[in-house]
Amino acid sequence: MKKIFSLLAVTLFTAGTMLTGCQSSATKVDKANDKVEGAKDKVAEAQQELNQAIKDSIRQFKKESEEKISAFEKNIDEFKVRIAKEKNESRIRDERKLAELEQQNRELKQRLADFNEERRDQWVSFRVKFRHDMEEHDKAFRDFWGIRK
């Protein structure tokens, strides 16, 4: 009888352990799925925040660039007034150079206007090239201004 009791106890213990272990795995899977869903939500949130940050960056860059281009336009207008008072030879040379600067300014303005915020994948390369071109344009203005002083 003791053997039967012992065998029955061992069998019940083994069966109980197996049943408890199965429930535990199912619970673990549910918890893991919850964690995965939570991580997906966090990734989606982070992606939205990144997209908004990029949009804000593009808008800020465009605003600053438009202000610089506007300042260039004012300088062009001032130069036109000064050049009009010059002698014929100097005036013709300076008008040509000023026309080049004015054309560059229009091109920069158009490139900036044409850049679409949806082209985020090209944003970094656009910004780098545009900044370089703006610096070159600014240098050309300073060189022209230096000649004029």
C-alpha atoms as a PDB file:
ATOM      1  CA  MET A   1       0.000   0.000   0.000  1.00  0.00           C
ATOM      2  CA  LYS A   2       2.844   2.371   0.772  1.00  0.00           C
ATOM      3  CA  LYS A   3       4.246   1.706  -2.678  1.00  0.00           C
ATOM      4  CA  ILE A   4       0.941   2.545  -4.329  1.00  0.00           C
ATOM      5  CA  PHE A   5       0.648   5.671  -2.230  1.00  0.00           C
ATOM      6  CA  SER A   6       4.197   6.713  -3.088  1.00  0.00           C
ATOM      7  CA  LEU A   7       3.651   5.987  -6.773  1.00  0.00           C
ATOM      8  CA  LEU A   8       0.385   7.923  -6.756  1.00  0.00           C
ATOM      9  CA  ALA A   9       2.042  10.875  -4.977  1.00  0.00           C
ATOM     10  CA  VAL A  10       4.928  10.957  -7.458  1.00  0.00           C
ATOM     11  CA  THR A  11       2.510  10.744 -10.386  1.00  0.00           C
ATOM     12  CA  LEU A  12       0.345  13.553  -9.052  1.00  0.00           C
ATOM     13  CA  PHE A  13       3.403  15.668  -8.307  1.00  0.00           C
ATOM     14  CA  THR A  14       4.749  15.139 -11.849  1.00  0.00           C
ATOM     15  CA  ALA A  15       1.378  15.879 -13.435  1.00  0.00           C
ATOM     16  CA  GLY A  16       0.984  19.016 -11.310  1.00  0.00           C
ATOM     17  CA  THR A  17       4.430  20.236 -12.232  1.00  0.00           C
ATOM     18  CA  MET A  18       3.716  19.701 -15.923  1.00  0.00           C
ATOM     19  CA  LEU A  19       0.411  21.530 -15.761  1.00  0.00           C
ATOM     20  CA  THR A  20       1.924  24.419 -13.838  1.00  0.00           C
ATOM     21  CA  GLY A  21       4.828  24.582 -16.283  1.00  0.00           C
ATOM     22  CA  CYS A  22       2.465  24.765 -19.278  1.00  0.00           C
ATOM     23  CA  GLN A  23       0.520  27.608 -17.786  1.00  0.00           C
ATOM     24  CA  SER A  24       3.725  29.424 -17.027  1.00  0.00           C
ATOM     25  CA  SER A  25       4.879  29.214 -20.667  1.00  0.00           C
ATOM     26  CA  ALA A  26       1.571  30.564 -21.918  1.00  0.00           C
ATOM     27  CA  THR A  27       1.791  33.385 -19.424  1.00  0.00           C
ATOM     28  CA  LYS A  28       5.375  34.077 -20.503  1.00  0.00           C
ATOM     29  CA  VAL A  29       4.325  34.215 -24.142  1.00  0.00           C
ATOM     30  CA  ASP A  30       1.520  36.658 -23.296  1.00  0.00           C
ATOM     31  CA  LYS A  31       3.914  38.844 -21.326  1.00  0.00           C
ATOM     32  CA  ALA A  32       6.455  38.729 -24.149  1.00  0.00           C
ATOM     33  CA  ASN A  33       3.758  39.720 -26.644  1.00  0.00           C
ATOM     34  CA  ASP A  34       2.753  42.608 -24.406  1.00  0.00           C
ATOM     35  CA  LYS A  35       6.370  43.762 -24.248  1.00  0.00           C
ATOM     36  CA  VAL A  36       6.702  43.528 -28.031  1.00  0.00           C
ATOM     37  CA  GLU A  37       3.525  45.572 -28.492  1.00  0.00           C
ATOM     38  CA  GLY A  38       4.801  48.133 -25.999  1.00  0.00           C
ATOM     39  CA  ALA A  39       8.119  48.329 -27.830  1.00  0.00           C
ATOM     40  CA  LYS A  40       6.316  48.762 -31.164  1.00  0.00           C
ATOM     41  CA  ASP A  41       4.311  51.619 -29.679  1.00  0.00           C
ATOM     42  CA  LYS A  42       7.492  53.265 -28.410  1.00  0.00           C
ATOM     43  CA  VAL A  43       9.149  52.883 -31.822  1.00  0.00           C
ATOM     44  CA  ALA A  44       6.110  54.426 -33.523  1.00  0.00           C
ATOM     45  CA  GLU A  45       6.158  57.309 -31.040  1.00  0.00           C
ATOM     46  CA  ALA A  46       9.875  57.853 -31.559  1.00  0.00           C
ATOM     47  CA  GLN A  47       9.397  57.806 -35.336  1.00  0.00           C
ATOM     48  CA  GLN A  48       6.678  60.442 -35.076  1.00  0.00           C
ATOM     49  CA  GLU A  49       8.896  62.594 -32.868  1.00  0.00           C
ATOM     50  CA  LEU A  50      11.769  62.215 -35.329  1.00  0.00           C
ATOM     51  CA  ASN A  51       9.530  63.158 -38.253  1.00  0.00           C
ATOM     52  CA  GLN A  52       8.319  66.228 -36.390  1.00  0.00           C
ATOM     53  CA  ALA A  53      11.878  67.213 -35.477  1.00  0.00           C
ATOM     54  CA  ILE A  54      12.930  66.914 -39.123  1.00  0.00           C
ATOM     55  CA  LYS A  55       9.943  69.006 -40.239  1.00  0.00           C
ATOM     56  CA  ASP A  56      10.796  71.642 -37.632  1.00  0.00           C
ATOM     57  CA  SER A  57      14.425  71.606 -38.741  1.00  0.00           C
ATOM     58  CA  ILE A  58      13.443  72.064 -42.387  1.00  0.00           C
ATOM     59  CA  ARG A  59      11.069  74.919 -41.553  1.00  0.00           C
ATOM     60  CA  GLN A  60      13.663  76.664 -39.399  1.00  0.00           C
ATOM     61  CA  PHE A  61      16.341  76.275 -42.067  1.00  0.00           C
ATOM     62  CA  LYS A  62      14.006  77.603 -44.754  1.00  0.00           C
ATOM     63  CA  LYS A  63      13.063  80.585 -42.584  1.00  0.00           C
ATOM     64  CA  GLU A  64      16.689  81.472 -41.861  1.00  0.00           C
ATOM     65  CA  SER A  65      17.680  81.011 -45.501  1.00  0.00           C
ATOM     66  CA  GLU A  66      14.775  83.143 -46.725  1.00  0.00           C
ATOM     67  CA  GLU A  67      15.886  85.903 -44.350  1.00  0.00           C
ATOM     68  CA  LYS A  68      19.438  85.751 -45.745  1.00  0.00           C
ATOM     69  CA  ILE A  69      18.167  85.789 -49.310  1.00  0.00           C
ATOM     70  CA  SER A  70      15.984  88.774 -48.461  1.00  0.00           C
ATOM     71  CA  ALA A  71      19.033  90.553 -47.040  1.00  0.00           C
ATOM     72  CA  PHE A  72      20.905  89.803 -50.280  1.00  0.00           C
ATOM     73  CA  GLU A  73      18.009  91.340 -52.234  1.00  0.00           C
ATOM     74  CA  LYS A  74      18.232  94.506 -50.140  1.00  0.00           C
ATOM     75  CA  ASN A  75      21.978  94.655 -50.754  1.00  0.00           C
ATOM     76  CA  ILE A  76      21.391  94.300 -54.488  1.00  0.00           C
ATOM     77  CA  ASP A  77      18.961  97.211 -54.410  1.00  0.00           C
ATOM     78  CA  GLU A  78      21.494  99.335 -52.498  1.00  0.00           C
ATOM     79  CA  PHE A  79      24.237  98.424 -54.955  1.00  0.00           C
ATOM     80  CA  LYS A  80      22.029  99.380 -57.891  1.00  0.00           C
ATOM     81  CA  VAL A  81      21.557 102.853 -56.447  1.00  0.00           C
ATOM     82  CA  ARG A  82      25.293 103.276 -55.871  1.00  0.00           C
ATOM     83  CA  ILE A  83      26.242 101.903 -59.272  1.00  0.00           C
ATOM     84  CA  ALA A  84      23.871 104.312 -61.016  1.00  0.00           C
ATOM     85  CA  LYS A  85      26.061 107.188 -59.778  1.00  0.00           C
ATOM     86  CA  GLU A  86      29.294 105.749 -61.185  1.00  0.00           C
ATOM     87  CA  LYS A  87      31.149 106.574 -64.356  1.00  0.00           C
ATOM     88  CA  ASN A  88      30.209 104.635 -67.455  1.00  0.00           C
ATOM     89  CA  GLU A  89      33.108 102.088 -67.485  1.00  0.00           C
ATOM     90  CA  SER A  90      32.833 101.188 -63.820  1.00  0.00           C
ATOM     91  CA  ARG A  91      29.079 101.126 -63.978  1.00  0.00           C
ATOM     92  CA  ILE A  92      28.951  98.639 -66.864  1.00  0.00           C
ATOM     93  CA  ARG A  93      31.413  96.272 -65.144  1.00  0.00           C
ATOM     94  CA  ASP A  94      29.606  96.520 -61.810  1.00  0.00           C
ATOM     95  CA  GLU A  95      26.176  96.113 -63.392  1.00  0.00           C
ATOM     96  CA  ARG A  96      27.314  92.842 -64.999  1.00  0.00           C
ATOM     97  CA  LYS A  97      28.673  91.529 -61.730  1.00  0.00           C
ATOM     98  CA  LEU A  98      25.562  92.643 -59.894  1.00  0.00           C
ATOM     99  CA  ALA A  99      23.362  90.947 -62.500  1.00  0.00           C
ATOM    100  CA  GLU A 100      25.271  87.694 -61.851  1.00  0.00           C
ATOM    101  CA  LEU A 101      24.762  88.060 -58.113  1.00  0.00           C
ATOM    102  CA  GLU A 102      21.091  88.806 -58.637  1.00  0.00           C
ATOM    103  CA  GLN A 103      20.697  85.704 -60.811  1.00  0.00           C
ATOM    104  CA  GLN A 104      22.446  83.537 -58.196  1.00  0.00           C
ATOM    105  CA  ASN A 105      20.139  84.976 -55.564  1.00  0.00           C
ATOM    106  CA  ARG A 106      17.043  84.119 -57.622  1.00  0.00           C
ATOM    107  CA  GLU A 107      18.340  80.574 -58.181  1.00  0.00           C
ATOM    108  CA  LEU A 108      18.959  80.062 -54.468  1.00  0.00           C
ATOM    109  CA  LYS A 109      15.499  81.385 -53.678  1.00  0.00           C
ATOM    110  CA  GLN A 110      13.929  79.046 -56.234  1.00  0.00           C
ATOM    111  CA  ARG A 111      15.866  75.990 -55.008  1.00  0.00           C
ATOM    112  CA  LEU A 112      14.738  76.703 -51.473  1.00  0.00           C
ATOM    113  CA  ALA A 113      11.129  77.106 -52.563  1.00  0.00           C
ATOM    114  CA  ASP A 114      11.278  73.906 -54.624  1.00  0.00           C
ATOM    115  CA  PHE A 115      12.519  71.755 -51.767  1.00  0.00           C
ATOM    116  CA  ASN A 116       9.599  69.727 -50.482  1.00  0.00           C
ATOM    117  CA  GLU A 117       9.436  68.739 -46.808  1.00  0.00           C
ATOM    118  CA  GLU A 118       8.362  65.254 -47.865  1.00  0.00           C
ATOM    119  CA  ARG A 119      11.808  64.589 -49.355  1.00  0.00           C
ATOM    120  CA  ARG A 120      13.284  63.927 -45.908  1.00  0.00           C
ATOM    121  CA  ASP A 121      15.678  61.311 -47.221  1.00  0.00           C
ATOM    122  CA  GLN A 122      17.408  64.058 -49.242  1.00  0.00           C
ATOM    123  CA  TRP A 123      17.250  66.690 -46.504  1.00  0.00           C
ATOM    124  CA  VAL A 124      20.797  66.364 -45.175  1.00  0.00           C
ATOM    125  CA  SER A 125      22.472  66.468 -48.580  1.00  0.00           C
ATOM    126  CA  PHE A 126      20.243  69.374 -49.686  1.00  0.00           C
ATOM    127  CA  ARG A 127      21.039  71.344 -46.530  1.00  0.00           C
ATOM    128  CA  VAL A 128      24.793  70.801 -46.832  1.00  0.00           C
ATOM    129  CA  LYS A 129      24.902  71.798 -50.511  1.00  0.00           C
ATOM    130  CA  PHE A 130      22.550  74.740 -50.021  1.00  0.00           C
ATOM    131  CA  ARG A 131      24.585  76.078 -47.077  1.00  0.00           C
ATOM    132  CA  HIS A 132      27.753  75.790 -49.135  1.00  0.00           C
ATOM    133  CA  ASP A 133      26.155  77.672 -52.024  1.00  0.00           C
ATOM    134  CA  MET A 134      24.843  80.351 -49.644  1.00  0.00           C
ATOM    135  CA  GLU A 135      28.319  80.802 -48.187  1.00  0.00           C
ATOM    136  CA  GLU A 136      29.795  81.123 -51.674  1.00  0.00           C
ATOM    137  CA  HIS A 137      27.097  83.636 -52.579  1.00  0.00           C
ATOM    138  CA  ASP A 138      27.797  85.593 -49.406  1.00  0.00           C
ATOM    139  CA  LYS A 139      31.515  85.573 -50.213  1.00  0.00           C
ATOM    140  CA  ALA A 140      30.797  86.884 -53.705  1.00  0.00           C
ATOM    141  CA  PHE A 141      28.746  89.706 -52.164  1.00  0.00           C
ATOM    142  CA  ARG A 142      31.533  90.538 -49.722  1.00  0.00           C
ATOM    143  CA  ASP A 143      34.081  90.509 -52.535  1.00  0.00           C
ATOM    144  CA  PHE A 144      31.876  92.797 -54.607  1.00  0.00           C
ATOM    145  CA  TRP A 145      31.313  95.042 -51.604  1.00  0.00           C
ATOM    146  CA  GLY A 146      35.092  95.151 -51.005  1.00  0.00           C
ATOM    147  CA  ILE A 147      35.620  96.308 -54.583  1.00  0.00           C
ATOM    148  CA  ARG A 148      32.969  98.959 -54.125  1.00  0.00           C
ATOM    149  CA  LYS A 149      34.406 100.504 -50.928  1.00  0.00           C
END
